[in-house]
Amino acid sequence: MSKLYIVPTPVGNLEDITLRAIRVLKEVDFILAEDTRTSSVLMKKYDIGTHMESHHKFNEHKTVETVRDRILAGASAALVSDAGTPGISDPGFLLVRTCVEAGIEVETLPGATAFVPALVNSGYPCDRFCFEGFLPVKKGRQTRLRSLEEETRTMVFYESPFRLVRTLGDFADHFGEGRQASVSREISKLHDTTHRGTLGELRDWFKSHEPKGEIVIIVSSKTGGEGNEAGEERETL
């Protein structure tokens, strides 16, 4: 059946993939991958021999219509990113919108995404939260931060290790040095760690401890709120 499948892939440990995802990747006519070299590691592990093609932020505007037409002609396709769920700070939105507008059925499988384990593991309220992804690096950055100063929900951000200290400093300037936060890195990988403390403490910690790997920052809301008090042991700074 012609359809576009959105297939989450592991954010770290390659075992974090569903049996259904493996089946779909084997059954579709072709796979669109953010980086075929990265995805080939997963495909090899699970003996998935489906043809892969590149689909990333630098070529998606040129390829979406071709992909749409192939699916309309009867093909089935799966979209994967390097890690996690496509469309969440990864290519995917444009292709999904194009297919939906063309009347193509889109089916998104449940699966891995980095911010959910980081949010739950933070210990801050997660019944209401806002996902901000990556902040603008230059234009619009300060405007975005000012708009979040009164946010009453737990906030979720992605960040590069090269900009982490700067971002924690910006957070401290806008939200206050004493605002509670957590920094999770390398989720589900060998060096999976979470550091918790105030924004000032976290900024100073990472100034002297060079961060590496993919990073999720969780910032508590302006109103604070108590997290899970079930006695979980937590690493604090």
C-alpha atoms as a PDB file:
ATOM      1  CA  MET A   1       0.000   0.000   0.000  1.00  0.00           C
ATOM      2  CA  SER A   2       1.393   3.430  -0.928  1.00  0.00           C
ATOM      3  CA  LYS A   3       2.086   5.375   2.241  1.00  0.00           C
ATOM      4  CA  LEU A   4       4.690   7.473   4.003  1.00  0.00           C
ATOM      5  CA  TYR A   5       5.915   6.024   7.283  1.00  0.00           C
ATOM      6  CA  ILE A   6       7.716   8.185   9.830  1.00  0.00           C
ATOM      7  CA  VAL A   7      10.011   5.804  11.698  1.00  0.00           C
ATOM      8  CA  PRO A   8      11.837   6.763  14.907  1.00  0.00           C
ATOM      9  CA  THR A   9      15.317   5.326  15.315  1.00  0.00           C
ATOM     10  CA  PRO A  10      17.439   4.953  18.484  1.00  0.00           C
ATOM     11  CA  VAL A  11      18.980   8.082  19.975  1.00  0.00           C
ATOM     12  CA  GLY A  12      21.813   6.005  21.408  1.00  0.00           C
ATOM     13  CA  ASN A  13      21.624   2.303  22.143  1.00  0.00           C
ATOM     14  CA  LEU A  14      20.749   0.493  18.911  1.00  0.00           C
ATOM     15  CA  GLU A  15      18.469  -1.871  20.836  1.00  0.00           C
ATOM     16  CA  ASP A  16      16.037   1.017  21.427  1.00  0.00           C
ATOM     17  CA  ILE A  17      13.993   0.294  18.301  1.00  0.00           C
ATOM     18  CA  THR A  18      10.642  -1.428  18.043  1.00  0.00           C
ATOM     19  CA  LEU A  19       9.959  -4.697  16.269  1.00  0.00           C
ATOM     20  CA  ARG A  20       7.351  -2.882  14.201  1.00  0.00           C
ATOM     21  CA  ALA A  21       9.863  -0.275  13.066  1.00  0.00           C
ATOM     22  CA  ILE A  22      12.221  -3.004  11.881  1.00  0.00           C
ATOM     23  CA  ARG A  23       9.403  -4.709   9.974  1.00  0.00           C
ATOM     24  CA  VAL A  24       8.309  -1.476   8.284  1.00  0.00           C
ATOM     25  CA  LEU A  25      11.871  -0.624   7.259  1.00  0.00           C
ATOM     26  CA  LYS A  26      12.179  -4.039   5.645  1.00  0.00           C
ATOM     27  CA  GLU A  27       8.829  -3.858   3.828  1.00  0.00           C
ATOM     28  CA  VAL A  28       8.824  -0.356   2.299  1.00  0.00           C
ATOM     29  CA  ASP A  29      10.066   0.266  -1.230  1.00  0.00           C
ATOM     30  CA  PHE A  30      12.663   2.816  -0.175  1.00  0.00           C
ATOM     31  CA  ILE A  31      14.007   4.597   2.905  1.00  0.00           C
ATOM     32  CA  LEU A  32      14.734   8.308   3.101  1.00  0.00           C
ATOM     33  CA  ALA A  33      17.628   8.858   5.521  1.00  0.00           C
ATOM     34  CA  GLU A  34      19.083  12.061   6.914  1.00  0.00           C
ATOM     35  CA  ASP A  35      22.549  10.523   6.482  1.00  0.00           C
ATOM     36  CA  THR A  36      22.737   7.149   4.753  1.00  0.00           C
ATOM     37  CA  ARG A  37      26.148   6.464   6.319  1.00  0.00           C
ATOM     38  CA  THR A  38      24.758   6.868   9.832  1.00  0.00           C
ATOM     39  CA  SER A  39      21.598   4.884   9.109  1.00  0.00           C
ATOM     40  CA  SER A  40      23.545   2.073   7.434  1.00  0.00           C
ATOM     41  CA  VAL A  41      24.898   1.027  10.844  1.00  0.00           C
ATOM     42  CA  LEU A  42      21.358   0.408  12.113  1.00  0.00           C
ATOM     43  CA  MET A  43      20.279  -1.256   8.870  1.00  0.00           C
ATOM     44  CA  LYS A  44      23.240  -3.627   8.960  1.00  0.00           C
ATOM     45  CA  LYS A  45      22.577  -4.602  12.580  1.00  0.00           C
ATOM     46  CA  TYR A  46      18.992  -5.628  11.790  1.00  0.00           C
ATOM     47  CA  ASP A  47      19.658  -7.036   8.316  1.00  0.00           C
ATOM     48  CA  ILE A  48      17.571  -4.376   6.571  1.00  0.00           C
ATOM     49  CA  GLY A  49      18.480  -4.309   2.889  1.00  0.00           C
ATOM     50  CA  THR A  50      15.944  -1.753   1.669  1.00  0.00           C
ATOM     51  CA  HIS A  51      17.287   0.864  -0.731  1.00  0.00           C
ATOM     52  CA  MET A  52      18.218   4.124   1.039  1.00  0.00           C
ATOM     53  CA  GLU A  53      18.319   7.662  -0.328  1.00  0.00           C
ATOM     54  CA  SER A  54      19.485  10.922   1.244  1.00  0.00           C
ATOM     55  CA  HIS A  55      16.845  13.301   2.553  1.00  0.00           C
ATOM     56  CA  HIS A  56      18.174  16.134   4.680  1.00  0.00           C
ATOM     57  CA  LYS A  57      17.671  19.845   5.319  1.00  0.00           C
ATOM     58  CA  PHE A  58      19.963  20.805   2.457  1.00  0.00           C
ATOM     59  CA  ASN A  59      18.101  18.909  -0.271  1.00  0.00           C
ATOM     60  CA  GLU A  60      14.556  18.361   1.037  1.00  0.00           C
ATOM     61  CA  HIS A  61      13.085  21.362  -0.796  1.00  0.00           C
ATOM     62  CA  LYS A  62      14.334  19.861  -4.072  1.00  0.00           C
ATOM     63  CA  THR A  63      13.273  16.274  -3.399  1.00  0.00           C
ATOM     64  CA  VAL A  64       9.884  16.415  -1.623  1.00  0.00           C
ATOM     65  CA  GLU A  65       7.833  16.691  -4.799  1.00  0.00           C
ATOM     66  CA  THR A  66       9.639  13.759  -6.409  1.00  0.00           C
ATOM     67  CA  VAL A  67       9.057  11.648  -3.308  1.00  0.00           C
ATOM     68  CA  ARG A  68       5.411  12.678  -3.254  1.00  0.00           C
ATOM     69  CA  ASP A  69       4.957  11.663  -6.874  1.00  0.00           C
ATOM     70  CA  ARG A  70       6.607   8.279  -6.318  1.00  0.00           C
ATOM     71  CA  ILE A  71       4.261   7.527  -3.426  1.00  0.00           C
ATOM     72  CA  LEU A  72       1.259   8.686  -5.452  1.00  0.00           C
ATOM     73  CA  ALA A  73       2.388   6.247  -8.156  1.00  0.00           C
ATOM     74  CA  GLY A  74       2.125   3.379  -5.678  1.00  0.00           C
ATOM     75  CA  ALA A  75       5.405   3.221  -3.781  1.00  0.00           C
ATOM     76  CA  SER A  76       5.739   3.106  -0.008  1.00  0.00           C
ATOM     77  CA  ALA A  77       8.469   5.043   1.794  1.00  0.00           C
ATOM     78  CA  ALA A  78       9.917   5.375   5.284  1.00  0.00           C
ATOM     79  CA  LEU A  79      11.584   8.496   6.614  1.00  0.00           C
ATOM     80  CA  VAL A  80      14.298   8.189   9.281  1.00  0.00           C
ATOM     81  CA  SER A  81      16.632  10.727  10.834  1.00  0.00           C
ATOM     82  CA  ASP A  82      20.085  10.121  12.279  1.00  0.00           C
ATOM     83  CA  ALA A  83      18.490   9.578  15.693  1.00  0.00           C
ATOM     84  CA  GLY A  84      15.061   9.932  17.241  1.00  0.00           C
ATOM     85  CA  THR A  85      11.771  10.895  15.633  1.00  0.00           C
ATOM     86  CA  PRO A  86      11.898  12.747  12.285  1.00  0.00           C
ATOM     87  CA  GLY A  87      10.349  16.196  12.471  1.00  0.00           C
ATOM     88  CA  ILE A  88      11.506  16.845  16.051  1.00  0.00           C
ATOM     89  CA  SER A  89      14.424  19.214  15.372  1.00  0.00           C
ATOM     90  CA  ASP A  90      15.187  17.006  12.355  1.00  0.00           C
ATOM     91  CA  PRO A  91      14.012  16.980   8.713  1.00  0.00           C
ATOM     92  CA  GLY A  92      10.477  15.704   8.302  1.00  0.00           C
ATOM     93  CA  PHE A  93       7.917  18.486   8.577  1.00  0.00           C
ATOM     94  CA  LEU A  94       8.149  19.608   4.946  1.00  0.00           C
ATOM     95  CA  LEU A  95       7.750  16.078   3.567  1.00  0.00           C
ATOM     96  CA  VAL A  96       4.844  15.267   5.889  1.00  0.00           C
ATOM     97  CA  ARG A  97       3.038  18.481   4.971  1.00  0.00           C
ATOM     98  CA  THR A  98       3.588  17.883   1.250  1.00  0.00           C
ATOM     99  CA  CYS A  99       2.208  14.345   1.485  1.00  0.00           C
ATOM    100  CA  VAL A 100      -0.775  15.367   3.605  1.00  0.00           C
ATOM    101  CA  GLU A 101      -1.676  18.095   1.120  1.00  0.00           C
ATOM    102  CA  ALA A 102      -1.522  15.514  -1.678  1.00  0.00           C
ATOM    103  CA  GLY A 103      -3.881  13.171   0.158  1.00  0.00           C
ATOM    104  CA  ILE A 104      -1.175  10.607   0.918  1.00  0.00           C
ATOM    105  CA  GLU A 105      -1.611   8.594   4.099  1.00  0.00           C
ATOM    106  CA  VAL A 106       1.090   9.352   6.636  1.00  0.00           C
ATOM    107  CA  GLU A 107       1.674   6.981   9.539  1.00  0.00           C
ATOM    108  CA  THR A 108       4.018   7.934  12.354  1.00  0.00           C
ATOM    109  CA  LEU A 109       5.305   5.081  14.484  1.00  0.00           C
ATOM    110  CA  PRO A 110       5.855   5.644  18.210  1.00  0.00           C
ATOM    111  CA  GLY A 111       9.430   5.451  19.331  1.00  0.00           C
ATOM    112  CA  ALA A 112      12.568   7.115  20.568  1.00  0.00           C
ATOM    113  CA  THR A 113      13.016  10.838  21.011  1.00  0.00           C
ATOM    114  CA  ALA A 114      15.702  12.413  23.182  1.00  0.00           C
ATOM    115  CA  PHE A 115      13.723  14.967  25.139  1.00  0.00           C
ATOM    116  CA  VAL A 116      11.186  12.619  26.775  1.00  0.00           C
ATOM    117  CA  PRO A 117      13.664  10.632  28.915  1.00  0.00           C
ATOM    118  CA  ALA A 118      15.555  13.849  29.741  1.00  0.00           C
ATOM    119  CA  LEU A 119      12.316  15.573  30.813  1.00  0.00           C
ATOM    120  CA  VAL A 120      11.137  12.724  33.012  1.00  0.00           C
ATOM    121  CA  ASN A 121      14.630  12.196  34.452  1.00  0.00           C
ATOM    122  CA  SER A 122      14.973  15.876  35.383  1.00  0.00           C
ATOM    123  CA  GLY A 123      12.631  15.529  38.342  1.00  0.00           C
ATOM    124  CA  TYR A 124      10.744  18.688  37.354  1.00  0.00           C
ATOM    125  CA  PRO A 125       7.004  18.676  36.645  1.00  0.00           C
ATOM    126  CA  CYS A 126       6.287  17.153  33.233  1.00  0.00           C
ATOM    127  CA  ASP A 127       2.490  17.295  33.218  1.00  0.00           C
ATOM    128  CA  ARG A 128       2.840  20.619  31.374  1.00  0.00           C
ATOM    129  CA  PHE A 129       5.940  21.559  29.403  1.00  0.00           C
ATOM    130  CA  CYS A 130       7.016  23.485  26.308  1.00  0.00           C
ATOM    131  CA  PHE A 131       9.479  22.131  23.778  1.00  0.00           C
ATOM    132  CA  GLU A 132      11.717  24.869  22.358  1.00  0.00           C
ATOM    133  CA  GLY A 133      14.281  22.713  20.525  1.00  0.00           C
ATOM    134  CA  PHE A 134      17.386  24.617  19.417  1.00  0.00           C
ATOM    135  CA  LEU A 135      17.435  28.341  20.136  1.00  0.00           C
ATOM    136  CA  PRO A 136      18.362  30.668  17.276  1.00  0.00           C
ATOM    137  CA  VAL A 137      22.125  31.057  17.240  1.00  0.00           C
ATOM    138  CA  LYS A 138      22.056  34.754  16.337  1.00  0.00           C
ATOM    139  CA  LYS A 139      19.000  36.559  14.953  1.00  0.00           C
ATOM    140  CA  GLY A 140      15.975  36.239  17.192  1.00  0.00           C
ATOM    141  CA  ARG A 141      17.811  34.609  20.093  1.00  0.00           C
ATOM    142  CA  GLN A 142      17.289  37.396  22.640  1.00  0.00           C
ATOM    143  CA  THR A 143      13.683  37.889  21.547  1.00  0.00           C
ATOM    144  CA  ARG A 144      12.979  34.187  22.108  1.00  0.00           C
ATOM    145  CA  LEU A 145      14.620  34.229  25.526  1.00  0.00           C
ATOM    146  CA  ARG A 146      12.682  37.301  26.628  1.00  0.00           C
ATOM    147  CA  SER A 147       9.441  35.645  25.546  1.00  0.00           C
ATOM    148  CA  LEU A 148      10.200  32.722  27.871  1.00  0.00           C
ATOM    149  CA  GLU A 149      10.997  34.722  30.997  1.00  0.00           C
ATOM    150  CA  GLU A 150       7.438  34.389  32.318  1.00  0.00           C
ATOM    151  CA  GLU A 151       6.930  30.778  31.177  1.00  0.00           C
ATOM    152  CA  THR A 152       5.057  28.760  33.819  1.00  0.00           C
ATOM    153  CA  ARG A 153       5.742  25.362  32.252  1.00  0.00           C
ATOM    154  CA  THR A 154       8.893  23.278  32.379  1.00  0.00           C
ATOM    155  CA  MET A 155      11.034  24.192  29.353  1.00  0.00           C
ATOM    156  CA  VAL A 156      12.914  21.773  27.088  1.00  0.00           C
ATOM    157  CA  PHE A 157      15.851  22.741  24.870  1.00  0.00           C
ATOM    158  CA  TYR A 158      18.337  20.967  22.610  1.00  0.00           C
ATOM    159  CA  GLU A 159      21.880  22.276  22.432  1.00  0.00           C
ATOM    160  CA  SER A 160      25.272  21.619  20.895  1.00  0.00           C
ATOM    161  CA  PRO A 161      28.122  20.925  23.351  1.00  0.00           C
ATOM    162  CA  PHE A 162      30.017  23.796  21.738  1.00  0.00           C
ATOM    163  CA  ARG A 163      27.301  26.310  22.733  1.00  0.00           C
ATOM    164  CA  LEU A 164      26.230  24.810  26.059  1.00  0.00           C
ATOM    165  CA  VAL A 165      28.118  27.185  28.349  1.00  0.00           C
ATOM    166  CA  ARG A 166      26.939  30.218  26.382  1.00  0.00           C
ATOM    167  CA  THR A 167      23.348  29.016  26.475  1.00  0.00           C
ATOM    168  CA  LEU A 168      23.407  28.281  30.213  1.00  0.00           C
ATOM    169  CA  GLY A 169      24.816  31.788  30.710  1.00  0.00           C
ATOM    170  CA  ASP A 170      22.019  33.294  28.615  1.00  0.00           C
ATOM    171  CA  PHE A 171      19.476  31.306  30.630  1.00  0.00           C
ATOM    172  CA  ALA A 172      20.981  32.577  33.887  1.00  0.00           C
ATOM    173  CA  ASP A 173      20.772  36.157  32.596  1.00  0.00           C
ATOM    174  CA  HIS A 174      17.116  35.849  31.581  1.00  0.00           C
ATOM    175  CA  PHE A 175      15.702  33.367  34.089  1.00  0.00           C
ATOM    176  CA  GLY A 176      17.949  34.036  37.074  1.00  0.00           C
ATOM    177  CA  GLU A 177      21.113  32.377  38.380  1.00  0.00           C
ATOM    178  CA  GLY A 178      19.110  30.410  40.931  1.00  0.00           C
ATOM    179  CA  ARG A 179      16.621  28.814  38.530  1.00  0.00           C
ATOM    180  CA  GLN A 180      16.765  25.011  38.741  1.00  0.00           C
ATOM    181  CA  ALA A 181      17.736  23.058  35.624  1.00  0.00           C
ATOM    182  CA  SER A 182      19.202  19.781  34.413  1.00  0.00           C
ATOM    183  CA  VAL A 183      21.565  18.910  31.587  1.00  0.00           C
ATOM    184  CA  SER A 184      21.333  15.415  30.085  1.00  0.00           C
ATOM    185  CA  ARG A 185      23.876  14.182  27.588  1.00  0.00           C
ATOM    186  CA  GLU A 186      24.447  11.035  25.523  1.00  0.00           C
ATOM    187  CA  ILE A 187      21.004   9.659  26.403  1.00  0.00           C
ATOM    188  CA  SER A 188      20.911   5.823  26.328  1.00  0.00           C
ATOM    189  CA  LYS A 189      24.590   5.677  25.324  1.00  0.00           C
ATOM    190  CA  LEU A 190      27.562   4.409  27.328  1.00  0.00           C
ATOM    191  CA  HIS A 191      28.289   7.794  28.915  1.00  0.00           C
ATOM    192  CA  ASP A 192      24.668   8.786  29.635  1.00  0.00           C
ATOM    193  CA  THR A 193      24.761  11.410  32.409  1.00  0.00           C
ATOM    194  CA  THR A 194      22.444  13.999  33.934  1.00  0.00           C
ATOM    195  CA  HIS A 195      23.646  16.967  35.973  1.00  0.00           C
ATOM    196  CA  ARG A 196      21.185  18.961  38.071  1.00  0.00           C
ATOM    197  CA  GLY A 197      21.564  22.277  39.855  1.00  0.00           C
ATOM    198  CA  THR A 198      20.935  25.977  39.442  1.00  0.00           C
ATOM    199  CA  LEU A 199      21.661  27.616  36.111  1.00  0.00           C
ATOM    200  CA  GLY A 200      24.609  29.392  37.684  1.00  0.00           C
ATOM    201  CA  GLU A 201      26.023  26.148  39.067  1.00  0.00           C
ATOM    202  CA  LEU A 202      25.558  24.316  35.773  1.00  0.00           C
ATOM    203  CA  ARG A 203      27.187  27.119  33.780  1.00  0.00           C
ATOM    204  CA  ASP A 204      30.217  27.140  36.080  1.00  0.00           C
ATOM    205  CA  TRP A 205      30.448  23.330  36.107  1.00  0.00           C
ATOM    206  CA  PHE A 206      30.573  23.049  32.332  1.00  0.00           C
ATOM    207  CA  LYS A 207      33.084  25.890  32.068  1.00  0.00           C
ATOM    208  CA  SER A 208      35.583  23.585  33.750  1.00  0.00           C
ATOM    209  CA  HIS A 209      34.221  20.257  32.448  1.00  0.00           C
ATOM    210  CA  GLU A 210      34.126  20.321  28.654  1.00  0.00           C
ATOM    211  CA  PRO A 211      30.796  18.840  27.517  1.00  0.00           C
ATOM    212  CA  LYS A 212      30.593  16.279  24.735  1.00  0.00           C
ATOM    213  CA  GLY A 213      27.757  14.560  22.903  1.00  0.00           C
ATOM    214  CA  GLU A 214      24.130  15.393  22.239  1.00  0.00           C
ATOM    215  CA  ILE A 215      22.566  17.539  24.971  1.00  0.00           C
ATOM    216  CA  VAL A 216      19.068  18.183  26.324  1.00  0.00           C
ATOM    217  CA  ILE A 217      18.547  21.043  28.801  1.00  0.00           C
ATOM    218  CA  ILE A 218      15.493  21.072  31.065  1.00  0.00           C
ATOM    219  CA  VAL A 219      14.721  24.370  32.818  1.00  0.00           C
ATOM    220  CA  SER A 220      12.170  24.531  35.610  1.00  0.00           C
ATOM    221  CA  SER A 221       9.292  26.971  35.258  1.00  0.00           C
ATOM    222  CA  LYS A 222       9.211  30.432  36.795  1.00  0.00           C
ATOM    223  CA  THR A 223       6.704  29.190  39.337  1.00  0.00           C
ATOM    224  CA  GLY A 224       8.940  26.248  40.245  1.00  0.00           C
ATOM    225  CA  GLY A 225       6.867  23.297  41.368  1.00  0.00           C
ATOM    226  CA  GLU A 226       7.876  20.120  43.093  1.00  0.00           C
ATOM    227  CA  GLY A 227       9.082  17.124  41.121  1.00  0.00           C
ATOM    228  CA  ASN A 228       8.785  13.446  41.907  1.00  0.00           C
ATOM    229  CA  GLU A 229       9.597  12.871  45.572  1.00  0.00           C
ATOM    230  CA  ALA A 230       9.720   9.083  45.375  1.00  0.00           C
ATOM    231  CA  GLY A 231      13.272   9.021  46.706  1.00  0.00           C
ATOM    232  CA  GLU A 232      15.119   8.622  43.395  1.00  0.00           C
ATOM    233  CA  GLU A 233      18.841   9.156  43.828  1.00  0.00           C
ATOM    234  CA  ARG A 234      19.961  12.103  41.716  1.00  0.00           C
ATOM    235  CA  GLU A 235      23.326  13.532  40.758  1.00  0.00           C
ATOM    236  CA  THR A 236      23.464  17.163  41.853  1.00  0.00           C
ATOM    237  CA  LEU A 237      26.157  19.765  41.572  1.00  0.00           C
END
